[in-house]
Amino acid sequence: ALPRGALAGLRELRSLWLNDNELTTLA
C-alpha cells in the first residue's frame, strides 16, 4: 500500500521506483 498523501511535499522528487512490490491500487 501507498497511503494517500504519502508523497505530498516532495516537490524536488525526479525519480520514483516502486516496481516489483505488492501494490494492488493507488489513490
mmCIF file of all heavy atoms, coordinates in Angstrom:
data_MODEL
# 
_entry.id   MODEL 
# 
loop_
_atom_site.group_PDB 
_atom_site.id 
_atom_site.type_symbol 
_atom_site.label_atom_id 
_atom_site.label_alt_id 
_atom_site.label_comp_id 
_atom_site.label_asym_id 
_atom_site.label_entity_id 
_atom_site.label_seq_id 
_atom_site.pdbx_PDB_ins_code 
_atom_site.Cartn_x 
_atom_site.Cartn_y 
_atom_site.Cartn_z 
_atom_site.occupancy 
_atom_site.B_iso_or_equiv 
_atom_site.pdbx_formal_charge 
_atom_site.auth_seq_id 
_atom_site.auth_comp_id 
_atom_site.auth_asym_id 
_atom_site.auth_atom_id 
_atom_site.pdbx_PDB_model_num 
ATOM 1   N N   . ALA A 1 1  ? 0.834  -1.201 0.000   1.00 0.00 ? 1  ALA A N   1 
ATOM 2   C CA  . ALA A 1 1  ? 0.000  0.000  0.000   1.00 0.00 ? 1  ALA A CA  1 
ATOM 3   C C   . ALA A 1 1  ? 0.868  1.249  0.000   1.00 0.00 ? 1  ALA A C   1 
ATOM 4   O O   . ALA A 1 1  ? 1.962  1.270  0.558   1.00 0.00 ? 1  ALA A O   1 
ATOM 5   C CB  . ALA A 1 1  ? -0.920 0.003  1.220   1.00 0.00 ? 1  ALA A CB  1 
ATOM 6   N N   . LEU A 1 2  ? 0.348  2.279  -0.643  1.00 0.00 ? 2  LEU A N   1 
ATOM 7   C CA  . LEU A 1 2  ? 0.960  3.606  -0.643  1.00 0.00 ? 2  LEU A CA  1 
ATOM 8   C C   . LEU A 1 2  ? -0.107 4.554  -0.118  1.00 0.00 ? 2  LEU A C   1 
ATOM 9   O O   . LEU A 1 2  ? -1.062 4.867  -0.837  1.00 0.00 ? 2  LEU A O   1 
ATOM 10  C CB  . LEU A 1 2  ? 1.388  4.005  -2.055  1.00 0.00 ? 2  LEU A CB  1 
ATOM 11  C CG  . LEU A 1 2  ? 2.102  5.348  -2.231  1.00 0.00 ? 2  LEU A CG  1 
ATOM 12  C CD1 . LEU A 1 2  ? 3.429  5.355  -1.499  1.00 0.00 ? 2  LEU A CD1 1 
ATOM 13  C CD2 . LEU A 1 2  ? 2.331  5.643  -3.708  1.00 0.00 ? 2  LEU A CD2 1 
ATOM 14  N N   . PRO A 1 3  ? -0.011 4.997  1.143   1.00 0.00 ? 3  PRO A N   1 
ATOM 15  C CA  . PRO A 1 3  ? -1.078 5.804  1.740   1.00 0.00 ? 3  PRO A CA  1 
ATOM 16  C C   . PRO A 1 3  ? -1.354 7.082  0.954   1.00 0.00 ? 3  PRO A C   1 
ATOM 17  O O   . PRO A 1 3  ? -0.457 7.660  0.343   1.00 0.00 ? 3  PRO A O   1 
ATOM 18  C CB  . PRO A 1 3  ? -0.531 6.119  3.146   1.00 0.00 ? 3  PRO A CB  1 
ATOM 19  C CG  . PRO A 1 3  ? 0.490  5.063  3.405   1.00 0.00 ? 3  PRO A CG  1 
ATOM 20  C CD  . PRO A 1 3  ? 1.100  4.747  2.080   1.00 0.00 ? 3  PRO A CD  1 
ATOM 21  N N   . ARG A 1 4  ? -2.598 7.514  0.986   1.00 0.00 ? 4  ARG A N   1 
ATOM 22  C CA  . ARG A 1 4  ? -2.965 8.764  0.337   1.00 0.00 ? 4  ARG A CA  1 
ATOM 23  C C   . ARG A 1 4  ? -2.136 9.919  0.918   1.00 0.00 ? 4  ARG A C   1 
ATOM 24  O O   . ARG A 1 4  ? -2.024 10.070 2.122   1.00 0.00 ? 4  ARG A O   1 
ATOM 25  C CB  . ARG A 1 4  ? -4.454 9.045  0.553   1.00 0.00 ? 4  ARG A CB  1 
ATOM 26  C CG  . ARG A 1 4  ? -4.986 10.269 -0.180  1.00 0.00 ? 4  ARG A CG  1 
ATOM 27  C CD  . ARG A 1 4  ? -6.453 10.489 0.138   1.00 0.00 ? 4  ARG A CD  1 
ATOM 28  N NE  . ARG A 1 4  ? -7.271 9.365  -0.288  1.00 0.00 ? 4  ARG A NE  1 
ATOM 29  C CZ  . ARG A 1 4  ? -7.780 9.233  -1.517  1.00 0.00 ? 4  ARG A CZ  1 
ATOM 30  N NH1 . ARG A 1 4  ? -7.545 10.183 -2.424  1.00 0.00 ? 4  ARG A NH1 1 
ATOM 31  N NH2 . ARG A 1 4  ? -8.519 8.183  -1.824  1.00 0.00 ? 4  ARG A NH2 1 
ATOM 32  N N   . GLY A 1 5  ? -1.533 10.710 0.059   1.00 0.00 ? 5  GLY A N   1 
ATOM 33  C CA  . GLY A 1 5  ? -0.744 11.845 0.506   1.00 0.00 ? 5  GLY A CA  1 
ATOM 34  C C   . GLY A 1 5  ? 0.652  11.493 0.982   1.00 0.00 ? 5  GLY A C   1 
ATOM 35  O O   . GLY A 1 5  ? 1.373  12.361 1.483   1.00 0.00 ? 5  GLY A O   1 
ATOM 36  N N   . ALA A 1 6  ? 1.078  10.230 0.814   1.00 0.00 ? 6  ALA A N   1 
ATOM 37  C CA  . ALA A 1 6  ? 2.390  9.809  1.320   1.00 0.00 ? 6  ALA A CA  1 
ATOM 38  C C   . ALA A 1 6  ? 3.524  10.591 0.690   1.00 0.00 ? 6  ALA A C   1 
ATOM 39  O O   . ALA A 1 6  ? 4.572  10.789 1.316   1.00 0.00 ? 6  ALA A O   1 
ATOM 40  C CB  . ALA A 1 6  ? 2.589  8.314  1.073   1.00 0.00 ? 6  ALA A CB  1 
ATOM 41  N N   . LEU A 1 7  ? 3.349  11.047 -0.561  1.00 0.00 ? 7  LEU A N   1 
ATOM 42  C CA  . LEU A 1 7  ? 4.429  11.719 -1.292  1.00 0.00 ? 7  LEU A CA  1 
ATOM 43  C C   . LEU A 1 7  ? 4.250  13.238 -1.330  1.00 0.00 ? 7  LEU A C   1 
ATOM 44  O O   . LEU A 1 7  ? 5.053  13.927 -1.965  1.00 0.00 ? 7  LEU A O   1 
ATOM 45  C CB  . LEU A 1 7  ? 4.498  11.169 -2.725  1.00 0.00 ? 7  LEU A CB  1 
ATOM 46  C CG  . LEU A 1 7  ? 4.633  9.645  -2.839  1.00 0.00 ? 7  LEU A CG  1 
ATOM 47  C CD1 . LEU A 1 7  ? 4.543  9.222  -4.296  1.00 0.00 ? 7  LEU A CD1 1 
ATOM 48  C CD2 . LEU A 1 7  ? 5.944  9.184  -2.227  1.00 0.00 ? 7  LEU A CD2 1 
ATOM 49  N N   . ALA A 1 8  ? 3.243  13.736 -0.675  1.00 0.00 ? 8  ALA A N   1 
ATOM 50  C CA  . ALA A 1 8  ? 2.981  15.174 -0.685  1.00 0.00 ? 8  ALA A CA  1 
ATOM 51  C C   . ALA A 1 8  ? 4.165  15.931 -0.088  1.00 0.00 ? 8  ALA A C   1 
ATOM 52  O O   . ALA A 1 8  ? 4.724  15.538 0.933   1.00 0.00 ? 8  ALA A O   1 
ATOM 53  C CB  . ALA A 1 8  ? 1.713  15.481 0.102   1.00 0.00 ? 8  ALA A CB  1 
ATOM 54  N N   . GLY A 1 9  ? 4.563  17.010 -0.728  1.00 0.00 ? 9  GLY A N   1 
ATOM 55  C CA  . GLY A 1 9  ? 5.668  17.823 -0.230  1.00 0.00 ? 9  GLY A CA  1 
ATOM 56  C C   . GLY A 1 9  ? 7.007  17.521 -0.863  1.00 0.00 ? 9  GLY A C   1 
ATOM 57  O O   . GLY A 1 9  ? 7.968  18.261 -0.659  1.00 0.00 ? 9  GLY A O   1 
ATOM 58  N N   . LEU A 1 10 ? 7.086  16.440 -1.652  1.00 0.00 ? 10 LEU A N   1 
ATOM 59  C CA  . LEU A 1 10 ? 8.358  16.092 -2.304  1.00 0.00 ? 10 LEU A CA  1 
ATOM 60  C C   . LEU A 1 10 ? 8.448  16.826 -3.647  1.00 0.00 ? 10 LEU A C   1 
ATOM 61  O O   . LEU A 1 10 ? 8.425  16.230 -4.724  1.00 0.00 ? 10 LEU A O   1 
ATOM 62  C CB  . LEU A 1 10 ? 8.455  14.579 -2.511  1.00 0.00 ? 10 LEU A CB  1 
ATOM 63  C CG  . LEU A 1 10 ? 8.445  13.727 -1.243  1.00 0.00 ? 10 LEU A CG  1 
ATOM 64  C CD1 . LEU A 1 10 ? 8.542  12.247 -1.586  1.00 0.00 ? 10 LEU A CD1 1 
ATOM 65  C CD2 . LEU A 1 10 ? 9.584  14.130 -0.307  1.00 0.00 ? 10 LEU A CD2 1 
ATOM 66  N N   . ARG A 1 11 ? 8.585  18.122 -3.579  1.00 0.00 ? 11 ARG A N   1 
ATOM 67  C CA  . ARG A 1 11 ? 8.500  18.955 -4.772  1.00 0.00 ? 11 ARG A CA  1 
ATOM 68  C C   . ARG A 1 11 ? 9.759  18.884 -5.636  1.00 0.00 ? 11 ARG A C   1 
ATOM 69  O O   . ARG A 1 11 ? 9.768  19.355 -6.766  1.00 0.00 ? 11 ARG A O   1 
ATOM 70  C CB  . ARG A 1 11 ? 8.196  20.413 -4.389  1.00 0.00 ? 11 ARG A CB  1 
ATOM 71  C CG  . ARG A 1 11 ? 6.882  20.569 -3.632  1.00 0.00 ? 11 ARG A CG  1 
ATOM 72  C CD  . ARG A 1 11 ? 6.492  22.028 -3.464  1.00 0.00 ? 11 ARG A CD  1 
ATOM 73  N NE  . ARG A 1 11 ? 6.247  22.675 -4.746  1.00 0.00 ? 11 ARG A NE  1 
ATOM 74  C CZ  . ARG A 1 11 ? 5.119  22.560 -5.444  1.00 0.00 ? 11 ARG A CZ  1 
ATOM 75  N NH1 . ARG A 1 11 ? 4.124  21.824 -4.993  1.00 0.00 ? 11 ARG A NH1 1 
ATOM 76  N NH2 . ARG A 1 11 ? 4.978  23.183 -6.609  1.00 0.00 ? 11 ARG A NH2 1 
ATOM 77  N N   . GLU A 1 12 ? 10.837 18.295 -5.118  1.00 0.00 ? 12 GLU A N   1 
ATOM 78  C CA  . GLU A 1 12 ? 12.067 18.136 -5.900  1.00 0.00 ? 12 GLU A CA  1 
ATOM 79  C C   . GLU A 1 12 ? 12.243 16.717 -6.431  1.00 0.00 ? 12 GLU A C   1 
ATOM 80  O O   . GLU A 1 12 ? 13.206 16.442 -7.147  1.00 0.00 ? 12 GLU A O   1 
ATOM 81  C CB  . GLU A 1 12 ? 13.288 18.502 -5.037  1.00 0.00 ? 12 GLU A CB  1 
ATOM 82  C CG  . GLU A 1 12 ? 13.290 19.928 -4.494  1.00 0.00 ? 12 GLU A CG  1 
ATOM 83  C CD  . GLU A 1 12 ? 13.345 20.962 -5.619  1.00 0.00 ? 12 GLU A CD  1 
ATOM 84  O OE1 . GLU A 1 12 ? 14.026 20.700 -6.623  1.00 0.00 ? 12 GLU A OE1 1 
ATOM 85  O OE2 . GLU A 1 12 ? 12.680 22.003 -5.496  1.00 0.00 ? 12 GLU A OE2 1 
ATOM 86  N N   . LEU A 1 13 ? 11.304 15.813 -6.102  1.00 0.00 ? 13 LEU A N   1 
ATOM 87  C CA  . LEU A 1 13 ? 11.457 14.412 -6.477  1.00 0.00 ? 13 LEU A CA  1 
ATOM 88  C C   . LEU A 1 13 ? 11.387 14.247 -7.992  1.00 0.00 ? 13 LEU A C   1 
ATOM 89  O O   . LEU A 1 13 ? 10.416 14.641 -8.633  1.00 0.00 ? 13 LEU A O   1 
ATOM 90  C CB  . LEU A 1 13 ? 10.369 13.565 -5.819  1.00 0.00 ? 13 LEU A CB  1 
ATOM 91  C CG  . LEU A 1 13 ? 10.592 12.054 -5.896  1.00 0.00 ? 13 LEU A CG  1 
ATOM 92  C CD1 . LEU A 1 13 ? 11.790 11.641 -5.045  1.00 0.00 ? 13 LEU A CD1 1 
ATOM 93  C CD2 . LEU A 1 13 ? 9.347  11.284 -5.445  1.00 0.00 ? 13 LEU A CD2 1 
ATOM 94  N N   . ARG A 1 14 ? 12.440 13.647 -8.550  1.00 0.00 ? 14 ARG A N   1 
ATOM 95  C CA  . ARG A 1 14 ? 12.538 13.468 -10.002 1.00 0.00 ? 14 ARG A CA  1 
ATOM 96  C C   . ARG A 1 14 ? 12.363 12.024 -10.433 1.00 0.00 ? 14 ARG A C   1 
ATOM 97  O O   . ARG A 1 14 ? 11.898 11.767 -11.534 1.00 0.00 ? 14 ARG A O   1 
ATOM 98  C CB  . ARG A 1 14 ? 13.910 13.967 -10.484 1.00 0.00 ? 14 ARG A CB  1 
ATOM 99  C CG  . ARG A 1 14 ? 14.162 15.436 -10.197 1.00 0.00 ? 14 ARG A CG  1 
ATOM 100 C CD  . ARG A 1 14 ? 15.570 15.832 -10.618 1.00 0.00 ? 14 ARG A CD  1 
ATOM 101 N NE  . ARG A 1 14 ? 15.886 17.194 -10.214 1.00 0.00 ? 14 ARG A NE  1 
ATOM 102 C CZ  . ARG A 1 14 ? 17.085 17.750 -10.344 1.00 0.00 ? 14 ARG A CZ  1 
ATOM 103 N NH1 . ARG A 1 14 ? 18.077 17.052 -10.882 1.00 0.00 ? 14 ARG A NH1 1 
ATOM 104 N NH2 . ARG A 1 14 ? 17.302 18.977 -9.950  1.00 0.00 ? 14 ARG A NH2 1 
ATOM 105 N N   . SER A 1 15 ? 12.776 11.087 -9.595  1.00 0.00 ? 15 SER A N   1 
ATOM 106 C CA  . SER A 1 15 ? 12.737 9.676  -9.981  1.00 0.00 ? 15 SER A CA  1 
ATOM 107 C C   . SER A 1 15 ? 12.165 8.847  -8.833  1.00 0.00 ? 15 SER A C   1 
ATOM 108 O O   . SER A 1 15 ? 12.656 8.931  -7.703  1.00 0.00 ? 15 SER A O   1 
ATOM 109 C CB  . SER A 1 15 ? 14.143 9.186  -10.347 1.00 0.00 ? 15 SER A CB  1 
ATOM 110 O OG  . SER A 1 15 ? 14.117 7.849  -10.786 1.00 0.00 ? 15 SER A OG  1 
ATOM 111 N N   . LEU A 1 16 ? 11.125 8.076  -9.124  1.00 0.00 ? 16 LEU A N   1 
ATOM 112 C CA  . LEU A 1 16 ? 10.446 7.269  -8.107  1.00 0.00 ? 16 LEU A CA  1 
ATOM 113 C C   . LEU A 1 16 ? 10.342 5.833  -8.604  1.00 0.00 ? 16 LEU A C   1 
ATOM 114 O O   . LEU A 1 16 ? 9.766  5.572  -9.658  1.00 0.00 ? 16 LEU A O   1 
ATOM 115 C CB  . LEU A 1 16 ? 9.053  7.846  -7.838  1.00 0.00 ? 16 LEU A CB  1 
ATOM 116 C CG  . LEU A 1 16 ? 8.160  7.066  -6.869  1.00 0.00 ? 16 LEU A CG  1 
ATOM 117 C CD1 . LEU A 1 16 ? 8.800  6.968  -5.480  1.00 0.00 ? 16 LEU A CD1 1 
ATOM 118 C CD2 . LEU A 1 16 ? 6.779  7.724  -6.780  1.00 0.00 ? 16 LEU A CD2 1 
ATOM 119 N N   . TRP A 1 17 ? 10.907 4.906  -7.839  1.00 0.00 ? 17 TRP A N   1 
ATOM 120 C CA  . TRP A 1 17 ? 10.911 3.487  -8.195  1.00 0.00 ? 17 TRP A CA  1 
ATOM 121 C C   . TRP A 1 17 ? 10.045 2.715  -7.197  1.00 0.00 ? 17 TRP A C   1 
ATOM 122 O O   . TRP A 1 17 ? 10.394 2.581  -6.027  1.00 0.00 ? 17 TRP A O   1 
ATOM 123 C CB  . TRP A 1 17 ? 12.329 2.914  -8.155  1.00 0.00 ? 17 TRP A CB  1 
ATOM 124 C CG  . TRP A 1 17 ? 13.308 3.527  -9.121  1.00 0.00 ? 17 TRP A CG  1 
ATOM 125 C CD1 . TRP A 1 17 ? 13.249 4.769  -9.687  1.00 0.00 ? 17 TRP A CD1 1 
ATOM 126 C CD2 . TRP A 1 17 ? 14.497 2.916  -9.626  1.00 0.00 ? 17 TRP A CD2 1 
ATOM 127 N NE1 . TRP A 1 17 ? 14.329 4.974  -10.499 1.00 0.00 ? 17 TRP A NE1 1 
ATOM 128 C CE2 . TRP A 1 17 ? 15.115 3.856  -10.492 1.00 0.00 ? 17 TRP A CE2 1 
ATOM 129 C CE3 . TRP A 1 17 ? 15.101 1.675  -9.430  1.00 0.00 ? 17 TRP A CE3 1 
ATOM 130 C CZ2 . TRP A 1 17 ? 16.313 3.588  -11.156 1.00 0.00 ? 17 TRP A CZ2 1 
ATOM 131 C CZ3 . TRP A 1 17 ? 16.288 1.405  -10.082 1.00 0.00 ? 17 TRP A CZ3 1 
ATOM 132 C CH2 . TRP A 1 17 ? 16.885 2.349  -10.940 1.00 0.00 ? 17 TRP A CH2 1 
ATOM 133 N N   . LEU A 1 18 ? 8.911  2.214  -7.692  1.00 0.00 ? 18 LEU A N   1 
ATOM 134 C CA  . LEU A 1 18 ? 8.007  1.413  -6.874  1.00 0.00 ? 18 LEU A CA  1 
ATOM 135 C C   . LEU A 1 18 ? 7.744  0.048  -7.505  1.00 0.00 ? 18 LEU A C   1 
ATOM 136 O O   . LEU A 1 18 ? 6.843  -0.669 -7.072  1.00 0.00 ? 18 LEU A O   1 
ATOM 137 C CB  . LEU A 1 18 ? 6.667  2.150  -6.690  1.00 0.00 ? 18 LEU A CB  1 
ATOM 138 C CG  . LEU A 1 18 ? 6.709  3.419  -5.850  1.00 0.00 ? 18 LEU A CG  1 
ATOM 139 C CD1 . LEU A 1 18 ? 5.395  4.193  -5.976  1.00 0.00 ? 18 LEU A CD1 1 
ATOM 140 C CD2 . LEU A 1 18 ? 6.980  3.103  -4.381  1.00 0.00 ? 18 LEU A CD2 1 
ATOM 141 N N   . ASN A 1 19 ? 8.502  -0.293 -8.530  1.00 0.00 ? 19 ASN A N   1 
ATOM 142 C CA  . ASN A 1 19 ? 8.290  -1.557 -9.223  1.00 0.00 ? 19 ASN A CA  1 
ATOM 143 C C   . ASN A 1 19 ? 8.638  -2.764 -8.359  1.00 0.00 ? 19 ASN A C   1 
ATOM 144 O O   . ASN A 1 19 ? 9.343  -2.652 -7.361  1.00 0.00 ? 19 ASN A O   1 
ATOM 145 C CB  . ASN A 1 19 ? 9.119  -1.606 -10.514 1.00 0.00 ? 19 ASN A CB  1 
ATOM 146 C CG  . ASN A 1 19 ? 10.599 -1.381 -10.266 1.00 0.00 ? 19 ASN A CG  1 
ATOM 147 O OD1 . ASN A 1 19 ? 11.026 -0.257 -10.002 1.00 0.00 ? 19 ASN A OD1 1 
ATOM 148 N ND2 . ASN A 1 19 ? 11.401 -2.440 -10.333 1.00 0.00 ? 19 ASN A ND2 1 
ATOM 149 N N   . ASP A 1 20 ? 8.110  -3.914 -8.747  1.00 0.00 ? 20 ASP A N   1 
ATOM 150 C CA  . ASP A 1 20 ? 8.384  -5.178 -8.052  1.00 0.00 ? 20 ASP A CA  1 
ATOM 151 C C   . ASP A 1 20 ? 8.026  -5.117 -6.582  1.00 0.00 ? 20 ASP A C   1 
ATOM 152 O O   . ASP A 1 20 ? 8.837  -5.421 -5.702  1.00 0.00 ? 20 ASP A O   1 
ATOM 153 C CB  . ASP A 1 20 ? 9.843  -5.589 -8.252  1.00 0.00 ? 20 ASP A CB  1 
ATOM 154 C CG  . ASP A 1 20 ? 10.144 -5.954 -9.694  1.00 0.00 ? 20 ASP A CG  1 
ATOM 155 O OD1 . ASP A 1 20 ? 9.918  -7.113 -10.062 1.00 0.00 ? 20 ASP A OD1 1 
ATOM 156 O OD2 . ASP A 1 20 ? 10.589 -5.062 -10.455 1.00 0.00 ? 20 ASP A OD2 1 
ATOM 157 N N   . ASN A 1 21 ? 6.797  -4.692 -6.328  1.00 0.00 ? 21 ASN A N   1 
ATOM 158 C CA  . ASN A 1 21 ? 6.242  -4.723 -4.980  1.00 0.00 ? 21 ASN A CA  1 
ATOM 159 C C   . ASN A 1 21 ? 4.919  -5.483 -5.018  1.00 0.00 ? 21 ASN A C   1 
ATOM 160 O O   . ASN A 1 21 ? 4.709  -6.311 -5.917  1.00 0.00 ? 21 ASN A O   1 
ATOM 161 C CB  . ASN A 1 21 ? 6.066  -3.300 -4.438  1.00 0.00 ? 21 ASN A CB  1 
ATOM 162 C CG  . ASN A 1 21 ? 7.336  -2.752 -3.812  1.00 0.00 ? 21 ASN A CG  1 
ATOM 163 O OD1 . ASN A 1 21 ? 7.739  -3.164 -2.730  1.00 0.00 ? 21 ASN A OD1 1 
ATOM 164 N ND2 . ASN A 1 21 ? 7.987  -1.822 -4.508  1.00 0.00 ? 21 ASN A ND2 1 
ATOM 165 N N   . GLU A 1 22 ? 4.027  -5.226 -4.068  1.00 0.00 ? 22 GLU A N   1 
ATOM 166 C CA  . GLU A 1 22 ? 2.750  -5.931 -3.999  1.00 0.00 ? 22 GLU A CA  1 
ATOM 167 C C   . GLU A 1 22 ? 1.580  -4.954 -4.022  1.00 0.00 ? 22 GLU A C   1 
ATOM 168 O O   . GLU A 1 22 ? 0.521  -5.212 -3.457  1.00 0.00 ? 22 GLU A O   1 
ATOM 169 C CB  . GLU A 1 22 ? 2.718  -6.819 -2.757  1.00 0.00 ? 22 GLU A CB  1 
ATOM 170 C CG  . GLU A 1 22 ? 3.802  -7.897 -2.776  1.00 0.00 ? 22 GLU A CG  1 
ATOM 171 C CD  . GLU A 1 22 ? 3.845  -8.762 -1.527  1.00 0.00 ? 22 GLU A CD  1 
ATOM 172 O OE1 . GLU A 1 22 ? 2.896  -8.668 -0.717  1.00 0.00 ? 22 GLU A OE1 1 
ATOM 173 O OE2 . GLU A 1 22 ? 4.817  -9.524 -1.365  1.00 0.00 ? 22 GLU A OE2 1 
ATOM 174 N N   . LEU A 1 23 ? 1.768  -3.824 -4.712  1.00 0.00 ? 23 LEU A N   1 
ATOM 175 C CA  . LEU A 1 23 ? 0.730  -2.801 -4.799  1.00 0.00 ? 23 LEU A CA  1 
ATOM 176 C C   . LEU A 1 23 ? -0.433 -3.303 -5.651  1.00 0.00 ? 23 LEU A C   1 
ATOM 177 O O   . LEU A 1 23 ? -0.238 -3.800 -6.760  1.00 0.00 ? 23 LEU A O   1 
ATOM 178 C CB  . LEU A 1 23 ? 1.295  -1.520 -5.405  1.00 0.00 ? 23 LEU A CB  1 
ATOM 179 C CG  . LEU A 1 23 ? 2.455  -0.859 -4.647  1.00 0.00 ? 23 LEU A CG  1 
ATOM 180 C CD1 . LEU A 1 23 ? 3.031  0.291  -5.456  1.00 0.00 ? 23 LEU A CD1 1 
ATOM 181 C CD2 . LEU A 1 23 ? 1.976  -0.366 -3.284  1.00 0.00 ? 23 LEU A CD2 1 
ATOM 182 N N   . THR A 1 24 ? -1.648 -3.135 -5.146  1.00 0.00 ? 24 THR A N   1 
ATOM 183 C CA  . THR A 1 24 ? -2.840 -3.528 -5.902  1.00 0.00 ? 24 THR A CA  1 
ATOM 184 C C   . THR A 1 24 ? -3.618 -2.316 -6.394  1.00 0.00 ? 24 THR A C   1 
ATOM 185 O O   . THR A 1 24 ? -4.374 -2.423 -7.362  1.00 0.00 ? 24 THR A O   1 
ATOM 186 C CB  . THR A 1 24 ? -3.764 -4.407 -5.053  1.00 0.00 ? 24 THR A CB  1 
ATOM 187 O OG1 . THR A 1 24 ? -4.132 -3.697 -3.862  1.00 0.00 ? 24 THR A OG1 1 
ATOM 188 C CG2 . THR A 1 24 ? -3.066 -5.712 -4.664  1.00 0.00 ? 24 THR A CG2 1 
ATOM 189 N N   . THR A 1 25 ? -3.446 -1.180 -5.749  1.00 0.00 ? 25 THR A N   1 
ATOM 190 C CA  . THR A 1 25 ? -4.133 0.026  -6.190  1.00 0.00 ? 25 THR A CA  1 
ATOM 191 C C   . THR A 1 25 ? -3.361 1.248  -5.715  1.00 0.00 ? 25 THR A C   1 
ATOM 192 O O   . THR A 1 25 ? -2.421 1.129  -4.903  1.00 0.00 ? 25 THR A O   1 
ATOM 193 C CB  . THR A 1 25 ? -5.582 0.065  -5.665  1.00 0.00 ? 25 THR A CB  1 
ATOM 194 O OG1 . THR A 1 25 ? -6.302 1.110  -6.340  1.00 0.00 ? 25 THR A OG1 1 
ATOM 195 C CG2 . THR A 1 25 ? -5.619 0.304  -4.160  1.00 0.00 ? 25 THR A CG2 1 
ATOM 196 N N   . LEU A 1 26 ? -3.728 2.414  -6.233  1.00 0.00 ? 26 LEU A N   1 
ATOM 197 C CA  . LEU A 1 26 ? -3.113 3.678  -5.848  1.00 0.00 ? 26 LEU A CA  1 
ATOM 198 C C   . LEU A 1 26 ? -4.205 4.725  -5.725  1.00 0.00 ? 26 LEU A C   1 
ATOM 199 O O   . LEU A 1 26 ? -5.135 4.751  -6.545  1.00 0.00 ? 26 LEU A O   1 
ATOM 200 C CB  . LEU A 1 26 ? -2.085 4.127  -6.901  1.00 0.00 ? 26 LEU A CB  1 
ATOM 201 C CG  . LEU A 1 26 ? -0.836 3.260  -7.055  1.00 0.00 ? 26 LEU A CG  1 
ATOM 202 C CD1 . LEU A 1 26 ? -0.106 3.623  -8.344  1.00 0.00 ? 26 LEU A CD1 1 
ATOM 203 C CD2 . LEU A 1 26 ? 0.088  3.436  -5.851  1.00 0.00 ? 26 LEU A CD2 1 
ATOM 204 N N   . ALA A 1 27 ? -4.101 5.582  -4.733  1.00 0.00 ? 27 ALA A N   1 
ATOM 205 C CA  . ALA A 1 27 ? -5.112 6.616  -4.533  1.00 0.00 ? 27 ALA A CA  1 
ATOM 206 C C   . ALA A 1 27 ? -5.058 7.639  -5.662  1.00 0.00 ? 27 ALA A C   1 
ATOM 207 O O   . ALA A 1 27 ? -3.977 7.973  -6.155  1.00 0.00 ? 27 ALA A O   1 
ATOM 208 C CB  . ALA A 1 27 ? -4.900 7.312  -3.190  1.00 0.00 ? 27 ALA A CB  1 
# 
